Amino acid sequence: MKDLTWIKEDYIAHRGLHTEDLSVPENSMLAFKNAIELGYSIELDLNMLFDGTIVVFHDFNLKRLTGLDQNISKLTYDDIKDLKLYDTNEHIPLLSEVLNYVDGKVPLLIELKPFGDTEIFCQLFYDTIKDYQGKWAVFSFNPGVVRWFKNHHPEIIRGQITAYFKDNLKMKKIVKYLMKTMFFNRFTKPDFVSYRIHDLPNKYVDKAKQNGLTIISYAARTQEQLDFVRHTYDNVVFEYFIPKK
């Protein structure tokens, strides 16, 4: 029986406990250190490099965080290992580096970004984390990731991230509809759904909640937003403030 208690109840720092002034970058070792010190669970993002290395990084392009206008999937670890996040001394961490550092101190909510080959990404990620002793769960916007874990490792807690995708001009309308209505859930059977906070409440997620599905959200930036989601659904990751417990 899977225990989703920590996903429902823990305070989960979005991309680690980073700061709005960029002095503590998102998905950095310093952000993870800060979260651990305050006892927060950590949400983090993973991308796969061209050489198969799994790194902790959100965007498909490096420019926003490092100034280098290159897609991360085209680069090797040697290409990026010396890059700094914003104007700090923080680097792009390896997944293995983060696992060794966190070492079970707090749970990890791990997002696999939907870029690149899903099968290879999922397998390489699993190979890296399979012996990790701490609590963790995996989730993704890509239903193929959720399906991979259902088919290959159903014992692992898996989640579907979704939204209305109103600002995504490249996504086809039919795909937006299938995603916002959580159509793929009937095939991937996620243990939880993470729904964009600005698209809540809505009838689709309300029905899923009534049917017993765990509902979390992303990302609360105020205590008021956090309280709304935790009262109406189950939980929400937070950023840029310290929640009142």
C-alpha atoms as a PDB file:
ATOM      1  CA  MET A   1       0.000   0.000   0.000  1.00  0.00           C
ATOM      2  CA  LYS A   2       1.456   3.345  -1.030  1.00  0.00           C
ATOM      3  CA  ASP A   3       1.708   5.973   1.704  1.00  0.00           C
ATOM      4  CA  LEU A   4       0.872   9.415   0.304  1.00  0.00           C
ATOM      5  CA  THR A   5       0.666  11.029   3.744  1.00  0.00           C
ATOM      6  CA  TRP A   6       3.723  13.214   3.220  1.00  0.00           C
ATOM      7  CA  ILE A   7       2.446  14.398  -0.176  1.00  0.00           C
ATOM      8  CA  LYS A   8      -0.828  15.417   1.446  1.00  0.00           C
ATOM      9  CA  GLU A   9       0.545  16.946   4.628  1.00  0.00           C
ATOM     10  CA  ASP A  10       4.166  18.113   4.301  1.00  0.00           C
ATOM     11  CA  TYR A  11       5.162  21.661   3.470  1.00  0.00           C
ATOM     12  CA  ILE A  12       6.893  21.218   0.115  1.00  0.00           C
ATOM     13  CA  ALA A  13       9.354  23.855  -1.124  1.00  0.00           C
ATOM     14  CA  HIS A  14       9.016  24.428  -4.875  1.00  0.00           C
ATOM     15  CA  ARG A  15      12.438  23.919  -6.503  1.00  0.00           C
ATOM     16  CA  GLY A  16      13.898  24.044  -3.025  1.00  0.00           C
ATOM     17  CA  LEU A  17      13.700  27.055  -0.725  1.00  0.00           C
ATOM     18  CA  HIS A  18      14.905  29.649  -3.228  1.00  0.00           C
ATOM     19  CA  THR A  19      14.433  33.416  -3.116  1.00  0.00           C
ATOM     20  CA  GLU A  20      12.675  35.914  -5.335  1.00  0.00           C
ATOM     21  CA  ASP A  21      15.740  38.193  -5.396  1.00  0.00           C
ATOM     22  CA  LEU A  22      17.684  35.327  -7.076  1.00  0.00           C
ATOM     23  CA  SER A  23      20.383  35.289  -4.381  1.00  0.00           C
ATOM     24  CA  VAL A  24      19.366  31.679  -3.710  1.00  0.00           C
ATOM     25  CA  PRO A  25      18.686  30.150  -7.137  1.00  0.00           C
ATOM     26  CA  GLU A  26      15.949  27.606  -7.795  1.00  0.00           C
ATOM     27  CA  ASN A  27      17.005  23.939  -7.923  1.00  0.00           C
ATOM     28  CA  SER A  28      20.368  24.769  -6.337  1.00  0.00           C
ATOM     29  CA  MET A  29      22.217  22.981  -3.568  1.00  0.00           C
ATOM     30  CA  LEU A  30      21.788  26.099  -1.416  1.00  0.00           C
ATOM     31  CA  ALA A  31      18.010  26.040  -1.972  1.00  0.00           C
ATOM     32  CA  PHE A  32      17.921  22.390  -0.931  1.00  0.00           C
ATOM     33  CA  LYS A  33      20.093  23.117   2.136  1.00  0.00           C
ATOM     34  CA  ASN A  34      17.699  25.891   3.207  1.00  0.00           C
ATOM     35  CA  ALA A  35      14.668  23.614   2.823  1.00  0.00           C
ATOM     36  CA  ILE A  36      16.235  20.823   4.844  1.00  0.00           C
ATOM     37  CA  GLU A  37      17.195  23.208   7.649  1.00  0.00           C
ATOM     38  CA  LEU A  38      13.538  24.205   8.043  1.00  0.00           C
ATOM     39  CA  GLY A  39      12.247  20.657   7.675  1.00  0.00           C
ATOM     40  CA  TYR A  40      10.488  21.172   4.338  1.00  0.00           C
ATOM     41  CA  SER A  41      10.085  18.474   1.737  1.00  0.00           C
ATOM     42  CA  ILE A  42      11.639  19.390  -1.613  1.00  0.00           C
ATOM     43  CA  GLU A  43      10.154  19.566  -5.097  1.00  0.00           C
ATOM     44  CA  LEU A  44      12.770  19.532  -7.852  1.00  0.00           C
ATOM     45  CA  ASP A  45      13.032  19.232 -11.632  1.00  0.00           C
ATOM     46  CA  LEU A  46      15.106  16.875 -13.746  1.00  0.00           C
ATOM     47  CA  ASN A  47      16.398  17.133 -17.287  1.00  0.00           C
ATOM     48  CA  MET A  48      18.489  14.710 -19.330  1.00  0.00           C
ATOM     49  CA  LEU A  49      21.624  15.885 -21.111  1.00  0.00           C
ATOM     50  CA  PHE A  50      22.763  14.650 -24.514  1.00  0.00           C
ATOM     51  CA  ASP A  51      25.162  12.203 -22.866  1.00  0.00           C
ATOM     52  CA  GLY A  52      22.415  10.745 -20.664  1.00  0.00           C
ATOM     53  CA  THR A  53      23.453  12.581 -17.514  1.00  0.00           C
ATOM     54  CA  ILE A  54      20.486  13.498 -15.275  1.00  0.00           C
ATOM     55  CA  VAL A  55      20.723  17.025 -13.880  1.00  0.00           C
ATOM     56  CA  VAL A  56      18.508  19.097 -11.607  1.00  0.00           C
ATOM     57  CA  PHE A  57      17.283  21.919 -13.855  1.00  0.00           C
ATOM     58  CA  HIS A  58      13.851  23.209 -14.838  1.00  0.00           C
ATOM     59  CA  ASP A  59      14.070  24.827 -18.281  1.00  0.00           C
ATOM     60  CA  PHE A  60      14.791  23.179 -21.630  1.00  0.00           C
ATOM     61  CA  ASN A  61      17.065  26.160 -22.403  1.00  0.00           C
ATOM     62  CA  LEU A  62      19.886  27.442 -20.204  1.00  0.00           C
ATOM     63  CA  LYS A  63      19.506  31.161 -20.900  1.00  0.00           C
ATOM     64  CA  ARG A  64      17.167  32.248 -18.077  1.00  0.00           C
ATOM     65  CA  LEU A  65      19.332  30.810 -15.319  1.00  0.00           C
ATOM     66  CA  THR A  66      22.857  30.862 -16.773  1.00  0.00           C
ATOM     67  CA  GLY A  67      22.830  33.364 -19.656  1.00  0.00           C
ATOM     68  CA  LEU A  68      23.860  30.686 -22.172  1.00  0.00           C
ATOM     69  CA  ASP A  69      21.311  30.403 -24.990  1.00  0.00           C
ATOM     70  CA  GLN A  70      21.575  26.655 -25.552  1.00  0.00           C
ATOM     71  CA  ASN A  71      19.082  23.808 -25.238  1.00  0.00           C
ATOM     72  CA  ILE A  72      20.140  21.525 -22.420  1.00  0.00           C
ATOM     73  CA  SER A  73      19.341  18.345 -24.367  1.00  0.00           C
ATOM     74  CA  LYS A  74      22.067  19.181 -26.896  1.00  0.00           C
ATOM     75  CA  LEU A  75      24.845  19.496 -24.315  1.00  0.00           C
ATOM     76  CA  THR A  76      27.000  17.134 -22.255  1.00  0.00           C
ATOM     77  CA  TYR A  77      27.886  17.432 -18.590  1.00  0.00           C
ATOM     78  CA  ASP A  78      31.337  18.746 -19.540  1.00  0.00           C
ATOM     79  CA  ASP A  79      29.581  21.569 -21.394  1.00  0.00           C
ATOM     80  CA  ILE A  80      27.614  22.738 -18.359  1.00  0.00           C
ATOM     81  CA  LYS A  81      29.528  21.699 -15.232  1.00  0.00           C
ATOM     82  CA  ASP A  82      31.237  25.064 -14.816  1.00  0.00           C
ATOM     83  CA  LEU A  83      28.160  27.208 -15.456  1.00  0.00           C
ATOM     84  CA  LYS A  84      26.810  29.301 -12.564  1.00  0.00           C
ATOM     85  CA  LEU A  85      23.153  29.965 -11.726  1.00  0.00           C
ATOM     86  CA  TYR A  86      22.386  33.679 -12.023  1.00  0.00           C
ATOM     87  CA  ASP A  87      25.204  35.725 -10.448  1.00  0.00           C
ATOM     88  CA  THR A  88      25.945  33.226  -7.681  1.00  0.00           C
ATOM     89  CA  ASN A  89      28.476  30.505  -7.072  1.00  0.00           C
ATOM     90  CA  GLU A  90      25.759  27.846  -7.354  1.00  0.00           C
ATOM     91  CA  HIS A  91      26.079  25.265 -10.150  1.00  0.00           C
ATOM     92  CA  ILE A  92      23.645  22.927 -11.924  1.00  0.00           C
ATOM     93  CA  PRO A  93      23.522  19.866  -9.645  1.00  0.00           C
ATOM     94  CA  LEU A  94      23.620  16.258 -10.713  1.00  0.00           C
ATOM     95  CA  LEU A  95      20.694  14.125  -9.538  1.00  0.00           C
ATOM     96  CA  SER A  96      23.193  11.796  -7.867  1.00  0.00           C
ATOM     97  CA  GLU A  97      24.730  14.763  -6.053  1.00  0.00           C
ATOM     98  CA  VAL A  98      21.362  15.842  -4.652  1.00  0.00           C
ATOM     99  CA  LEU A  99      20.446  12.317  -3.568  1.00  0.00           C
ATOM    100  CA  ASN A 100      23.737  11.970  -1.730  1.00  0.00           C
ATOM    101  CA  TYR A 101      23.242  15.323  -0.015  1.00  0.00           C
ATOM    102  CA  VAL A 102      19.582  14.956   0.983  1.00  0.00           C
ATOM    103  CA  ASP A 103      20.146  11.335   2.035  1.00  0.00           C
ATOM    104  CA  GLY A 104      16.599  10.777   3.270  1.00  0.00           C
ATOM    105  CA  LYS A 105      16.496  13.852   5.528  1.00  0.00           C
ATOM    106  CA  VAL A 106      13.292  15.062   3.841  1.00  0.00           C
ATOM    107  CA  PRO A 107      11.039  13.570   1.129  1.00  0.00           C
ATOM    108  CA  LEU A 108      11.608  14.460  -2.533  1.00  0.00           C
ATOM    109  CA  LEU A 109       8.878  15.256  -5.063  1.00  0.00           C
ATOM    110  CA  ILE A 110      10.674  14.778  -8.372  1.00  0.00           C
ATOM    111  CA  GLU A 111       9.453  16.149 -11.700  1.00  0.00           C
ATOM    112  CA  LEU A 112      10.721  14.627 -14.921  1.00  0.00           C
ATOM    113  CA  LYS A 113      10.547  17.331 -17.563  1.00  0.00           C
ATOM    114  CA  PRO A 114       8.792  16.300 -20.798  1.00  0.00           C
ATOM    115  CA  PHE A 115      11.751  16.798 -23.146  1.00  0.00           C
ATOM    116  CA  GLY A 116      13.655  14.093 -25.005  1.00  0.00           C
ATOM    117  CA  ASP A 117      13.197  10.335 -25.174  1.00  0.00           C
ATOM    118  CA  THR A 118      10.756   9.285 -22.432  1.00  0.00           C
ATOM    119  CA  GLU A 119      11.812   5.648 -22.249  1.00  0.00           C
ATOM    120  CA  ILE A 120      15.520   6.398 -21.944  1.00  0.00           C
ATOM    121  CA  PHE A 121      14.961   9.258 -19.494  1.00  0.00           C
ATOM    122  CA  CYS A 122      12.750   7.186 -17.194  1.00  0.00           C
ATOM    123  CA  GLN A 123      15.111   4.225 -17.224  1.00  0.00           C
ATOM    124  CA  LEU A 124      18.222   6.305 -16.539  1.00  0.00           C
ATOM    125  CA  PHE A 125      16.412   8.145 -13.758  1.00  0.00           C
ATOM    126  CA  TYR A 126      15.253   4.894 -12.178  1.00  0.00           C
ATOM    127  CA  ASP A 127      18.722   3.381 -12.421  1.00  0.00           C
ATOM    128  CA  THR A 128      20.092   6.386 -10.516  1.00  0.00           C
ATOM    129  CA  ILE A 129      17.471   6.443  -7.759  1.00  0.00           C
ATOM    130  CA  LYS A 130      16.525   2.786  -7.298  1.00  0.00           C
ATOM    131  CA  ASP A 131      18.782   2.244  -4.280  1.00  0.00           C
ATOM    132  CA  TYR A 132      17.951   5.574  -2.611  1.00  0.00           C
ATOM    133  CA  GLN A 133      16.638   4.991   0.906  1.00  0.00           C
ATOM    134  CA  GLY A 134      14.648   8.186   1.447  1.00  0.00           C
ATOM    135  CA  LYS A 135      11.005   8.897   0.615  1.00  0.00           C
ATOM    136  CA  TRP A 136      10.324  10.100  -2.914  1.00  0.00           C
ATOM    137  CA  ALA A 137       7.673  10.299  -5.621  1.00  0.00           C
ATOM    138  CA  VAL A 138       7.829  11.043  -9.332  1.00  0.00           C
ATOM    139  CA  PHE A 139       5.520  13.186 -11.451  1.00  0.00           C
ATOM    140  CA  SER A 140       5.464  14.835 -14.870  1.00  0.00           C
ATOM    141  CA  PHE A 141       3.438  16.817 -17.381  1.00  0.00           C
ATOM    142  CA  ASN A 142       4.129  13.995 -19.822  1.00  0.00           C
ATOM    143  CA  PRO A 143       1.554  11.174 -19.468  1.00  0.00           C
ATOM    144  CA  GLY A 144       4.156   8.901 -21.071  1.00  0.00           C
ATOM    145  CA  VAL A 145       6.309   9.241 -17.956  1.00  0.00           C
ATOM    146  CA  VAL A 146       3.386   8.359 -15.691  1.00  0.00           C
ATOM    147  CA  ARG A 147       2.540   5.394 -17.923  1.00  0.00           C
ATOM    148  CA  TRP A 148       6.158   4.188 -17.869  1.00  0.00           C
ATOM    149  CA  PHE A 149       6.137   3.976 -14.085  1.00  0.00           C
ATOM    150  CA  LYS A 150       2.706   2.311 -14.095  1.00  0.00           C
ATOM    151  CA  ASN A 151       3.996  -0.353 -16.479  1.00  0.00           C
ATOM    152  CA  HIS A 152       7.525  -0.878 -15.135  1.00  0.00           C
ATOM    153  CA  HIS A 153       7.470   0.126 -11.458  1.00  0.00           C
ATOM    154  CA  PRO A 154       3.861   0.398 -10.253  1.00  0.00           C
ATOM    155  CA  GLU A 155       5.047   0.314  -6.634  1.00  0.00           C
ATOM    156  CA  ILE A 156       6.456   3.853  -6.980  1.00  0.00           C
ATOM    157  CA  ILE A 157       4.183   6.811  -6.202  1.00  0.00           C
ATOM    158  CA  ARG A 158       3.476   8.576  -9.504  1.00  0.00           C
ATOM    159  CA  GLY A 159       1.613  11.783 -10.348  1.00  0.00           C
ATOM    160  CA  GLN A 160       0.293  13.719 -13.328  1.00  0.00           C
ATOM    161  CA  ILE A 161       0.919  17.462 -13.587  1.00  0.00           C
ATOM    162  CA  THR A 162      -1.614  19.428 -15.583  1.00  0.00           C
ATOM    163  CA  ALA A 163      -3.271  22.779 -16.211  1.00  0.00           C
ATOM    164  CA  TYR A 164      -5.488  24.617 -18.678  1.00  0.00           C
ATOM    165  CA  PHE A 165      -2.385  25.685 -20.683  1.00  0.00           C
ATOM    166  CA  LYS A 166      -4.037  28.974 -21.670  1.00  0.00           C
ATOM    167  CA  ASP A 167      -0.673  30.638 -22.313  1.00  0.00           C
ATOM    168  CA  ASN A 168       0.726  27.808 -24.415  1.00  0.00           C
ATOM    169  CA  LEU A 169       0.210  28.952 -27.989  1.00  0.00           C
ATOM    170  CA  LYS A 170       1.971  25.922 -29.484  1.00  0.00           C
ATOM    171  CA  MET A 171      -0.164  23.241 -27.859  1.00  0.00           C
ATOM    172  CA  LYS A 172      -3.093  22.035 -29.975  1.00  0.00           C
ATOM    173  CA  LYS A 173      -6.584  22.682 -28.611  1.00  0.00           C
ATOM    174  CA  ILE A 174      -7.436  18.987 -28.489  1.00  0.00           C
ATOM    175  CA  VAL A 175      -4.290  18.267 -26.440  1.00  0.00           C
ATOM    176  CA  LYS A 176      -5.158  21.103 -24.063  1.00  0.00           C
ATOM    177  CA  TYR A 177      -8.627  19.629 -23.627  1.00  0.00           C
ATOM    178  CA  LEU A 178      -7.334  16.115 -23.016  1.00  0.00           C
ATOM    179  CA  MET A 179      -4.810  17.410 -20.484  1.00  0.00           C
ATOM    180  CA  LYS A 180      -7.100  19.732 -18.543  1.00  0.00           C
ATOM    181  CA  THR A 181      -9.811  17.056 -18.300  1.00  0.00           C
ATOM    182  CA  MET A 182      -7.188  14.511 -17.197  1.00  0.00           C
ATOM    183  CA  PHE A 183      -8.288  12.136 -19.969  1.00  0.00           C
ATOM    184  CA  PHE A 184      -5.003  10.215 -19.859  1.00  0.00           C
ATOM    185  CA  ASN A 185      -5.521   9.303 -16.211  1.00  0.00           C
ATOM    186  CA  ARG A 186      -7.725   6.385 -17.264  1.00  0.00           C
ATOM    187  CA  PHE A 187      -4.667   4.805 -18.866  1.00  0.00           C
ATOM    188  CA  THR A 188      -1.862   5.960 -16.564  1.00  0.00           C
ATOM    189  CA  LYS A 189      -3.696   5.640 -13.212  1.00  0.00           C
ATOM    190  CA  PRO A 190      -1.733   8.312 -11.298  1.00  0.00           C
ATOM    191  CA  ASP A 191      -1.724   8.237  -7.500  1.00  0.00           C
ATOM    192  CA  PHE A 192      -2.094  12.012  -7.411  1.00  0.00           C
ATOM    193  CA  VAL A 193      -2.576  15.011  -9.682  1.00  0.00           C
ATOM    194  CA  SER A 194      -0.792  18.352  -9.436  1.00  0.00           C
ATOM    195  CA  TYR A 195      -2.993  21.069 -10.972  1.00  0.00           C
ATOM    196  CA  ARG A 196      -1.881  24.657 -11.672  1.00  0.00           C
ATOM    197  CA  ILE A 197      -3.106  26.905  -8.887  1.00  0.00           C
ATOM    198  CA  HIS A 198      -4.454  29.604 -11.227  1.00  0.00           C
ATOM    199  CA  ASP A 199      -6.771  27.025 -12.823  1.00  0.00           C
ATOM    200  CA  LEU A 200      -8.378  26.070  -9.491  1.00  0.00           C
ATOM    201  CA  PRO A 201     -11.078  25.410  -8.616  1.00  0.00           C
ATOM    202  CA  ASN A 202     -12.567  23.635 -11.644  1.00  0.00           C
ATOM    203  CA  LYS A 203     -15.115  20.913 -12.260  1.00  0.00           C
ATOM    204  CA  TYR A 204     -12.615  18.354 -13.551  1.00  0.00           C
ATOM    205  CA  VAL A 205     -10.393  18.368 -10.500  1.00  0.00           C
ATOM    206  CA  ASP A 206     -13.364  18.622  -8.152  1.00  0.00           C
ATOM    207  CA  LYS A 207     -14.800  15.436  -9.623  1.00  0.00           C
ATOM    208  CA  ALA A 208     -11.430  13.676  -9.350  1.00  0.00           C
ATOM    209  CA  LYS A 209     -11.192  14.732  -5.715  1.00  0.00           C
ATOM    210  CA  GLN A 210     -14.708  13.426  -5.029  1.00  0.00           C
ATOM    211  CA  ASN A 211     -13.638  10.113  -6.554  1.00  0.00           C
ATOM    212  CA  GLY A 212     -10.792   9.834  -4.074  1.00  0.00           C
ATOM    213  CA  LEU A 213      -7.799  11.069  -6.075  1.00  0.00           C
ATOM    214  CA  THR A 214      -5.187  13.041  -4.137  1.00  0.00           C
ATOM    215  CA  ILE A 215      -4.987  16.615  -5.471  1.00  0.00           C
ATOM    216  CA  ILE A 216      -2.036  18.937  -4.990  1.00  0.00           C
ATOM    217  CA  SER A 217      -1.151  22.144  -6.797  1.00  0.00           C
ATOM    218  CA  TYR A 218       1.649  24.481  -7.898  1.00  0.00           C
ATOM    219  CA  ALA A 219       2.787  26.973  -6.770  1.00  0.00           C
ATOM    220  CA  ALA A 220       1.465  29.070  -3.870  1.00  0.00           C
ATOM    221  CA  ARG A 221       3.261  32.380  -3.442  1.00  0.00           C
ATOM    222  CA  THR A 222       1.213  33.659  -0.527  1.00  0.00           C
ATOM    223  CA  GLN A 223      -0.172  32.232   2.695  1.00  0.00           C
ATOM    224  CA  GLU A 224      -3.680  32.922   1.380  1.00  0.00           C
ATOM    225  CA  GLN A 225      -3.086  30.781  -1.719  1.00  0.00           C
ATOM    226  CA  LEU A 226      -1.558  27.999   0.342  1.00  0.00           C
ATOM    227  CA  ASP A 227      -4.463  28.003   2.807  1.00  0.00           C
ATOM    228  CA  PHE A 228      -7.028  27.913  -0.024  1.00  0.00           C
ATOM    229  CA  VAL A 229      -5.546  24.830  -1.684  1.00  0.00           C
ATOM    230  CA  ARG A 230      -4.869  22.958   1.546  1.00  0.00           C
ATOM    231  CA  HIS A 231      -8.442  23.633   2.668  1.00  0.00           C
ATOM    232  CA  THR A 232     -10.123  22.829  -0.663  1.00  0.00           C
ATOM    233  CA  TYR A 233      -7.924  19.977  -1.885  1.00  0.00           C
ATOM    234  CA  ASP A 234      -4.884  18.264  -0.329  1.00  0.00           C
ATOM    235  CA  ASN A 235      -1.696  20.253  -0.667  1.00  0.00           C
ATOM    236  CA  VAL A 236       0.313  22.769  -2.699  1.00  0.00           C
ATOM    237  CA  VAL A 237       4.011  23.411  -3.205  1.00  0.00           C
ATOM    238  CA  PHE A 238       5.096  26.907  -2.195  1.00  0.00           C
ATOM    239  CA  GLU A 239       7.786  29.441  -3.037  1.00  0.00           C
ATOM    240  CA  TYR A 240       9.046  32.898  -2.014  1.00  0.00           C
ATOM    241  CA  PHE A 241       7.639  32.851   1.534  1.00  0.00           C
ATOM    242  CA  ILE A 242       7.770  30.889   4.781  1.00  0.00           C
ATOM    243  CA  PRO A 243       4.398  29.252   5.510  1.00  0.00           C
ATOM    244  CA  LYS A 244       2.669  29.595   8.848  1.00  0.00           C
ATOM    245  CA  LYS A 245       2.199  26.146  10.329  1.00  0.00           C
END
